[in-house]
Every structure is written in structure tokens, then in C-alpha cells.
Amino acid sequence: MQSETSSKIPATIVTGFLGAGKTTLIRNLLNSANGRKIALIVNEFGDLGVDGDLLKGCGVETCSEEDVVELTNGCICCTVADDFIPTMEMLIGRDRDIDHIVIETSGLALPQPLVNAFNWPEIRERVTVDGVVTVVDSAAVADGRFAHDEDAVARQRVADDALDHDSPLEELFEDQLGCADMIILNKSDLVSDIAISRIEQDVGGQVARPVKLVRAANGNLPVEVLLGLESATENEVANRKSHHELHHENGHDHDHDHDEFESFVVEVGAVENPTQFMEALKAIIEEHDVLRLKGFANVSGKPMRLLIQAVGGRIDQYYDREWESESERKTQLVVIGLAGLDRGRIESQLLSAAA
């Protein structure tokens, strides 16, 4: 007998903090989709849609550029009615067939309101939540930056005018874990076996129900592991309430101590020496305590663009695709950090570094 959910389009929600490896995980998923026709919703915060652009440029036949939708008006869980629901209605209303929908949330997102949106009548009839996948940066947790009982919590939240929840990151981390059907301990290759075992115990202990914990390096997991969970999570979202929801239900309207963040885009000229440029980026990140830096660089004499992704002092770089036109060739970087960044000095240093 066919189940109620088997005739619906399955959707996977991928959540986790900035730099945990969500985009890499999704790109690998697309490359191993085995013919599945996948639509993507990317909730990229900021003025430069780096993640969406990266995914659009992956060249995977089963996920064309028209199947990637970027939501850039702020944290997706706070713009559900304005952005997410109309986007879902658009995707499922098209003539184009979809086998699976993958949603990459911003690092700020509470998964619970997003899951609840799947109970919207027009969506519930056509789509089910196959599973919520929370990606954890194992190296960061090992350093105490995301463990809820540690003082040194990573500050990767971004200022967002649309944001209507201001939970401390330890609460947000717990909420992302608490809503998960699967937790990916990414970058597990960067920590010791003892450390990853301790992380498994700590993370698993923060979830009140059984949940799958999977180790991964560079977001490499078989598509069969990530898709086909058949969790129908929307049916039990009431059992996965966030701290924010519980505070409101209990009539509490208290303020939390939290940090203010800011982000801006810097455009510089062509990079003459990429090795020196990366060394300069490390120095700039350290001097200004930049939390996150990402973008694309136009390297002189190279037909391909250089992708740059930095979390703290750790910088990943590789050439991802050729520039589509001369007008597109430019070096653009998104800089994210605590409010009060010396924007003028950072821009000046980046300009000097590229020359």
C-alpha cells in the first residue's frame, strides 16, 4: 500500500552555522545525485550571493541554473511567509518535474519555523520534509566554539534587519541539533579520534530522541545517506520546539545578551600573486578578528575564477569555473565580523594585497 508521503516531493533542509560546510555538502550531493532532478533553495545572507553562485556553477545536469532559487532578504526562518512559502509554491507549480528539493538555510536559521511552514495547506499537499540535516563543524566544536557549556562560543552570526530571534549561539546550536533527523559531524578528519568520539557523545547528549550521527570529511557523503530519510518531520515539529518558541509560549519576553554583527562587500582589482594575497588575507583576518570571509578573485592571467572561503584563520581556495564574460571578471569578497569593524582600513588593506 502506498504511503501518504510517497506521492509527495521530498525536501531536505540543510542547516548549520556559517563555515560548517553546508554548501560543499550540497555540491557533493548534486555530483552524486544519480539522475535525481533536484531543485535548490539557497538562503544566502548579504549583498553577494556567493553560495548560490557557486552551486549554479557546478555544472550538474540534474540541477540546472533555473532550479536554483536564492533568498537574500534575511534569515529564512524569519521571512517564511514573505519569501519561503511563495518560493515553494512557485517550484511545485511549475511544469518541470522535481524529484527532490534541497534547502540550504543561513547560519542564523531556526529549523523549526521552516519545518512548520510545510504544514501550509498548499505545500503540505505536495511536499514532505524528508529530513532535517544539521551540519556541525567538528574542528570548531573541538576548539570549544560551539559546545553549549563553553565560554568561547564562535561569533558567526550576521546582522540581519529581518531577524526576529536573538538567541545566544549556544541556544541556536541546541535548536539546530534538536530539530535534526541526521547530524553530520563534518571536518572530522581535522580532529583526533578521541576528540570526535567526545563530540559524538556531547552532541548526541543534546538531543532528547534518537538521531543519526554521521562523520564526514569535506562534506563527502553518498547521496543515499543524505536523501531518502522519509522522516515526514512536519508531522512532529511540535515535539522539536526551539528555545525562542518555548520562551514565547511561556509568556517570557526577556532579552538575551548577544553580539551585534555586520557584513560588507569589498571589490578590488585583479590579484597579481594569489599566494601573497592569501597570506595577506590571513593577516587581515587576524588583525581585525574577521569571523567569515568569502568570495571570488580575478587572478591575472588565469581564465578561471578563484573561490575563497575563510572561517577565522582557516582559508580554503580553488579555481571552480571559467569566467563567463570579461564584465564578470572582478574580485569581490564578503567580510563578516563583530560590529565596529574598521571597514576603511580593511578595504585599503585588501586593495593593497591584490596589487
Protein backbone atom coordinates (compact mmCIF):
# COMPACT_ATOMS: atom_id res chain seq x y z
CA MET A 1 0.00 0.00 0.00
CA GLN A 2 1.35 3.42 -0.96
CA SER A 3 2.07 5.70 2.00
CA GLU A 4 0.72 9.22 2.22
CA THR A 5 4.20 10.74 1.78
CA SER A 6 5.38 8.52 -1.08
CA SER A 7 3.47 10.58 -3.66
CA LYS A 8 4.84 13.88 -2.34
CA ILE A 9 8.03 15.66 -3.36
CA PRO A 10 10.62 15.06 -0.60
CA ALA A 11 12.52 18.08 0.72
CA THR A 12 15.73 18.07 2.73
CA ILE A 13 16.59 21.03 4.97
CA VAL A 14 20.33 21.54 5.46
CA THR A 15 21.16 23.76 8.41
CA GLY A 16 24.23 24.62 10.46
CA PHE A 17 26.49 27.54 11.26
CA LEU A 18 28.42 29.59 8.73
CA GLY A 19 31.52 27.71 7.64
CA ALA A 20 30.29 24.28 8.75
CA GLY A 21 30.38 23.05 5.15
CA LYS A 22 26.74 23.12 4.04
CA THR A 23 27.46 24.35 0.51
CA THR A 24 30.24 21.79 -0.02
CA LEU A 25 27.95 19.04 1.25
CA ILE A 26 25.21 20.09 -1.19
CA ARG A 27 27.58 20.40 -4.12
CA ASN A 28 28.87 16.89 -3.47
CA LEU A 29 25.28 15.70 -3.20
CA LEU A 30 24.49 17.17 -6.61
CA ASN A 31 27.51 15.49 -8.14
CA SER A 32 26.33 12.10 -6.87
CA ALA A 33 22.59 12.60 -7.42
CA ASN A 34 22.37 9.56 -9.75
CA GLY A 35 19.93 11.23 -12.11
CA ARG A 36 17.63 12.77 -9.50
CA LYS A 37 16.20 16.12 -10.61
CA ILE A 38 16.95 18.42 -7.69
CA ALA A 39 15.77 21.97 -7.03
CA LEU A 40 17.73 24.16 -4.62
CA ILE A 41 16.67 26.99 -2.35
CA VAL A 42 19.70 28.87 -1.05
CA ASN A 43 19.23 31.30 1.84
CA GLU A 44 22.38 33.36 1.35
CA PHE A 45 22.70 36.40 3.60
CA GLY A 46 24.43 39.54 2.38
CA ASP A 47 24.90 41.52 -0.78
CA LEU A 48 26.83 38.89 -2.70
CA GLY A 49 25.23 35.51 -3.34
CA VAL A 50 28.42 33.50 -3.19
CA ASP A 51 26.85 30.19 -2.20
CA GLY A 52 24.10 30.40 -4.79
CA ASP A 53 26.58 31.38 -7.49
CA LEU A 54 28.85 28.53 -6.50
CA LEU A 55 26.03 25.99 -6.74
CA LYS A 56 24.76 27.40 -10.02
CA GLY A 57 28.22 26.99 -11.49
CA CYS A 58 28.64 23.35 -10.52
CA GLY A 59 27.65 22.11 -13.98
CA VAL A 60 25.44 19.27 -12.79
CA GLU A 61 22.84 18.26 -15.37
CA THR A 62 20.25 17.24 -12.78
CA CYS A 63 20.26 20.72 -11.22
CA SER A 64 20.17 23.45 -13.84
CA GLU A 65 20.55 27.15 -13.13
CA GLU A 66 16.78 27.65 -13.31
CA ASP A 67 16.40 25.12 -10.49
CA VAL A 68 18.42 27.25 -8.05
CA VAL A 69 16.50 29.94 -6.16
CA GLU A 70 18.30 32.42 -3.88
CA LEU A 71 16.54 34.05 -0.94
CA THR A 72 18.61 37.05 0.15
CA ASN A 73 16.15 39.11 2.20
CA GLY A 74 17.42 37.81 5.52
CA CYS A 75 17.28 34.71 7.69
CA ILE A 76 14.84 32.29 6.05
CA CYS A 77 13.08 31.33 9.28
CA CYS A 78 12.10 34.98 9.81
CA THR A 79 10.83 35.56 6.26
CA VAL A 80 8.82 32.34 5.85
CA ALA A 81 5.56 33.99 4.79
CA ASP A 82 7.17 36.62 2.55
CA ASP A 83 9.85 34.54 0.83
CA PHE A 84 9.87 30.83 1.53
CA ILE A 85 6.23 29.89 1.02
CA PRO A 86 5.87 31.81 -2.30
CA THR A 87 9.13 30.21 -3.49
CA MET A 88 7.89 26.73 -2.64
CA GLU A 89 4.58 27.41 -4.37
CA MET A 90 6.49 28.57 -7.45
CA LEU A 91 8.68 25.45 -7.55
CA ILE A 92 5.88 22.93 -7.14
CA GLY A 93 3.61 24.87 -9.52
CA ARG A 94 5.97 24.59 -12.49
CA ASP A 95 5.62 22.10 -15.32
CA ARG A 96 9.22 20.99 -14.77
CA ASP A 97 9.48 17.73 -12.81
CA ILE A 98 11.30 17.74 -9.47
CA ASP A 99 12.47 14.59 -7.69
CA HIS A 100 13.81 16.33 -4.59
CA ILE A 101 14.10 19.81 -3.09
CA VAL A 102 17.18 20.77 -1.05
CA ILE A 103 17.06 23.88 1.13
CA GLU A 104 20.27 25.44 2.46
CA THR A 105 19.47 27.76 5.36
CA SER A 106 21.61 30.60 6.62
CA GLY A 107 23.74 30.03 9.70
CA LEU A 108 21.22 32.02 11.73
CA ALA A 109 18.16 29.98 10.89
CA LEU A 110 15.99 28.13 13.35
CA PRO A 111 14.89 24.96 11.52
CA GLN A 112 11.62 24.65 13.47
CA PRO A 113 9.65 27.54 11.85
CA LEU A 114 10.83 26.38 8.44
CA VAL A 115 9.66 22.81 9.06
CA ASN A 116 6.33 24.14 10.30
CA ALA A 117 5.89 26.01 7.02
CA PHE A 118 5.49 22.62 5.33
CA ASN A 119 2.12 22.38 7.08
CA TRP A 120 0.90 25.31 4.98
CA PRO A 121 -2.09 23.75 3.14
CA GLU A 122 -0.89 24.30 -0.42
CA ILE A 123 2.55 22.94 0.42
CA ARG A 124 1.50 20.03 2.62
CA GLU A 125 -0.49 18.54 -0.23
CA ARG A 126 2.56 18.35 -2.48
CA VAL A 127 5.74 18.28 -0.36
CA THR A 128 7.03 16.49 2.74
CA VAL A 129 10.17 17.06 4.82
CA ASP A 130 12.35 14.06 4.01
CA GLY A 131 14.68 15.13 6.79
CA VAL A 132 16.48 17.94 8.58
CA VAL A 133 20.25 17.61 8.23
CA THR A 134 22.35 19.67 10.65
CA VAL A 135 25.99 20.15 9.65
CA VAL A 136 28.45 20.61 12.52
CA ASP A 137 31.99 21.94 12.20
CA SER A 138 33.80 19.27 14.24
CA ALA A 139 37.03 21.26 14.36
CA ALA A 140 35.21 24.28 15.77
CA VAL A 141 33.40 22.19 18.39
CA ALA A 142 36.69 20.57 19.38
CA ASP A 143 38.04 24.08 20.00
CA GLY A 144 35.06 24.85 22.25
CA ARG A 145 33.46 27.33 19.89
CA PHE A 146 30.07 25.64 19.56
CA ALA A 147 29.78 23.49 22.69
CA HIS A 148 26.94 24.82 24.83
CA ASP A 149 28.90 24.59 28.10
CA GLU A 150 31.93 26.53 26.84
CA ASP A 151 32.57 30.26 27.19
CA ALA A 152 34.48 30.53 23.91
CA VAL A 153 31.50 30.41 21.54
CA ALA A 154 32.19 31.22 17.90
CA ARG A 155 30.65 34.52 16.84
CA GLN A 156 29.39 33.83 13.37
CA ARG A 157 26.00 35.47 13.48
CA VAL A 158 25.36 38.18 10.94
CA ALA A 159 23.41 41.40 11.43
CA ASP A 160 20.01 40.93 9.79
CA ASP A 161 17.26 43.54 9.87
CA ALA A 162 14.61 40.86 9.32
CA LEU A 163 15.80 38.71 12.21
CA ASP A 164 13.16 38.31 14.93
CA HIS A 165 15.08 35.97 17.24
CA ASP A 166 18.27 36.88 19.06
CA SER A 167 19.11 33.70 20.93
CA PRO A 168 22.71 33.23 22.07
CA LEU A 169 24.62 30.91 19.77
CA GLU A 170 24.69 28.10 22.29
CA GLU A 171 20.87 28.08 22.24
CA LEU A 172 20.78 28.30 18.44
CA PHE A 173 23.23 25.40 18.24
CA GLU A 174 20.99 23.34 20.52
CA ASP A 175 17.94 24.25 18.41
CA GLN A 176 19.65 23.16 15.19
CA LEU A 177 20.67 19.89 16.81
CA GLY A 178 17.28 19.40 18.45
CA CYS A 179 15.40 19.60 15.16
CA ALA A 180 17.75 17.29 13.25
CA ASP A 181 16.92 13.92 11.77
CA MET A 182 20.60 13.49 10.95
CA ILE A 183 23.67 15.30 12.30
CA ILE A 184 26.73 15.47 10.07
CA LEU A 185 29.97 15.82 12.02
CA ASN A 186 31.84 17.47 9.16
CA LYS A 187 35.61 18.09 9.08
CA SER A 188 36.03 15.05 11.31
CA ASP A 189 39.37 14.47 9.61
CA LEU A 190 40.72 17.63 11.26
CA VAL A 191 40.36 16.30 14.82
CA SER A 192 41.65 13.26 16.67
CA ASP A 193 39.69 10.05 17.12
CA ILE A 194 39.39 10.79 20.83
CA ALA A 195 38.04 14.28 20.11
CA ILE A 196 35.48 13.11 17.55
CA SER A 197 34.25 10.40 19.92
CA ARG A 198 33.79 13.03 22.63
CA ILE A 199 31.94 15.29 20.19
CA GLU A 200 29.62 12.42 19.28
CA GLN A 201 28.79 11.92 22.95
CA ASP A 202 28.31 15.64 23.63
CA VAL A 203 26.24 16.32 20.52
CA GLY A 204 24.16 13.17 20.89
CA GLY A 205 23.51 14.05 24.52
CA GLN A 206 21.88 17.34 23.50
CA VAL A 207 19.14 15.61 21.50
CA ALA A 208 16.34 14.07 23.56
CA ARG A 209 15.42 11.46 20.94
CA PRO A 210 17.36 9.02 18.76
CA VAL A 211 19.15 10.77 15.92
CA LYS A 212 21.66 9.58 13.33
CA LEU A 213 25.22 10.93 13.76
CA VAL A 214 27.47 10.60 10.70
CA ARG A 215 31.12 11.57 10.35
CA ALA A 216 32.25 13.30 7.16
CA ALA A 217 35.31 14.96 5.66
CA ASN A 218 34.89 17.77 3.14
CA GLY A 219 31.15 17.10 3.04
CA ASN A 220 31.67 13.82 1.19
CA LEU A 221 28.73 11.50 1.81
CA PRO A 222 26.80 9.20 -0.54
CA VAL A 223 23.53 10.66 -1.75
CA GLU A 224 21.79 7.56 -0.37
CA VAL A 225 22.87 8.61 3.13
CA LEU A 226 21.55 12.15 2.87
CA LEU A 227 18.33 11.61 0.93
CA GLY A 228 15.53 9.14 1.50
CA LEU A 229 15.25 9.52 5.28
CA GLU A 230 11.43 9.65 4.92
CA SER A 231 11.11 11.39 8.27
CA ALA A 232 7.97 13.46 7.49
CA THR A 233 9.35 15.88 10.06
CA GLU A 234 6.48 18.33 9.60
CA ASN A 235 4.22 15.87 11.42
CA GLU A 236 6.19 16.09 14.65
CA VAL A 237 7.52 19.65 14.65
CA ALA A 238 5.51 20.28 17.82
CA ASN A 239 7.97 17.97 19.60
CA ARG A 240 11.01 19.91 18.38
CA LYS A 241 10.34 23.40 19.68
CA SER A 242 13.11 25.97 19.72
CA HIS A 243 14.16 27.98 22.76
CA HIS A 244 12.61 31.01 21.06
CA GLU A 245 9.23 29.29 20.71
CA LEU A 246 9.29 27.98 24.27
CA HIS A 247 10.08 31.45 25.66
CA HIS A 248 7.06 32.90 23.86
CA GLU A 249 4.79 30.04 24.85
CA ASN A 250 5.72 30.55 28.50
CA GLY A 251 4.95 34.25 28.26
CA HIS A 252 8.57 35.25 28.64
CA ASP A 253 9.72 38.26 26.69
CA HIS A 254 13.19 38.67 28.07
CA ASP A 255 16.24 39.94 26.27
CA HIS A 256 19.34 37.84 25.75
CA ASP A 257 22.88 39.08 25.84
CA HIS A 258 24.08 38.78 22.28
CA ASP A 259 26.62 40.20 19.92
CA GLU A 260 25.98 42.61 17.08
CA PHE A 261 27.44 41.73 13.70
CA GLU A 262 27.98 43.44 10.41
CA SER A 263 28.92 42.47 6.87
CA PHE A 264 30.03 44.35 3.77
CA VAL A 265 31.31 43.63 0.27
CA VAL A 266 34.74 44.77 -0.90
CA GLU A 267 35.61 44.91 -4.59
CA VAL A 268 39.27 45.15 -5.54
CA GLY A 269 41.30 44.84 -8.71
CA ALA A 270 42.83 41.76 -10.27
CA VAL A 271 45.02 39.66 -7.97
CA GLU A 272 48.57 39.54 -9.25
CA ASN A 273 50.02 36.97 -6.85
CA PRO A 274 47.44 34.61 -5.30
CA THR A 275 49.92 33.13 -2.80
CA GLN A 276 50.81 36.53 -1.39
CA PHE A 277 47.14 37.52 -1.48
CA MET A 278 46.20 34.53 0.71
CA GLU A 279 48.95 35.40 3.20
CA ALA A 280 47.68 38.97 3.30
CA LEU A 281 44.11 37.74 3.87
CA LYS A 282 45.28 35.71 6.87
CA ALA A 283 46.96 38.77 8.34
CA ILE A 284 43.88 40.95 7.76
CA ILE A 285 41.56 38.35 9.29
CA GLU A 286 43.80 38.08 12.36
CA GLU A 287 44.27 41.83 12.81
CA HIS A 288 40.56 42.66 12.61
CA ASP A 289 39.20 39.42 14.11
CA VAL A 290 37.17 38.78 10.94
CA LEU A 291 34.84 35.85 11.53
CA ARG A 292 33.99 34.94 7.96
CA LEU A 293 35.31 35.97 4.55
CA LYS A 294 34.19 34.55 1.23
CA GLY A 295 34.02 35.47 -2.42
CA PHE A 296 35.73 35.17 -5.79
CA ALA A 297 39.08 36.51 -7.00
CA ASN A 298 40.08 37.53 -10.51
CA VAL A 299 43.66 36.25 -10.83
CA SER A 300 45.67 37.90 -13.60
CA GLY A 301 46.40 35.53 -16.45
CA LYS A 302 44.00 32.86 -15.26
CA PRO A 303 40.84 32.03 -17.25
CA MET A 304 39.14 30.59 -14.16
CA ARG A 305 37.89 32.40 -11.07
CA LEU A 306 39.39 31.63 -7.67
CA LEU A 307 36.86 30.72 -4.98
CA ILE A 308 37.83 31.85 -1.47
CA GLN A 309 36.15 30.63 1.73
CA ALA A 310 37.63 31.61 5.11
CA VAL A 311 36.42 30.78 8.62
CA GLY A 312 38.65 32.52 11.14
CA GLY A 313 42.23 31.85 10.11
CA ARG A 314 41.37 28.78 8.01
CA ILE A 315 41.19 29.62 4.29
CA ASP A 316 40.07 27.27 1.51
CA GLN A 317 40.67 28.20 -2.12
CA TYR A 318 40.31 26.59 -5.52
CA TYR A 319 39.51 27.51 -9.12
CA ASP A 320 35.88 26.50 -9.64
CA ARG A 321 34.99 27.54 -13.20
CA GLU A 322 35.88 29.84 -16.07
CA TRP A 323 34.65 33.42 -16.07
CA GLU A 324 31.58 33.71 -18.26
CA SER A 325 32.47 37.16 -19.63
CA GLU A 326 35.03 39.92 -19.27
CA SER A 327 32.48 42.10 -17.49
CA GLU A 328 32.06 39.38 -14.86
CA ARG A 329 35.78 39.26 -14.04
CA LYS A 330 36.19 41.03 -10.71
CA THR A 331 37.43 40.32 -7.21
CA GLN A 332 34.59 40.57 -4.70
CA LEU A 333 34.77 39.50 -1.07
CA VAL A 334 32.14 39.47 1.67
CA VAL A 335 33.61 40.39 5.07
CA ILE A 336 31.66 39.39 8.21
CA GLY A 337 32.55 40.21 11.80
CA LEU A 338 31.51 41.85 15.03
CA ALA A 339 30.04 45.34 14.75
CA GLY A 340 32.70 48.03 14.74
CA LEU A 341 34.95 46.58 12.05
CA ASP A 342 37.31 49.20 10.63
CA ARG A 343 35.82 48.98 7.14
CA GLY A 344 38.01 51.69 5.65
CA ARG A 345 41.23 50.08 6.80
CA ILE A 346 40.11 46.59 5.72
CA GLU A 347 39.18 47.88 2.26
CA SER A 348 42.52 49.68 1.97
CA GLN A 349 44.45 46.57 3.04
CA LEU A 350 42.57 44.36 0.58
CA LEU A 351 43.27 46.80 -2.25
CA SER A 352 46.98 46.76 -1.40
CA ALA A 353 47.01 42.97 -1.07
CA ALA A 354 45.60 42.46 -4.58
CA ALA A 355 48.08 44.77 -6.29
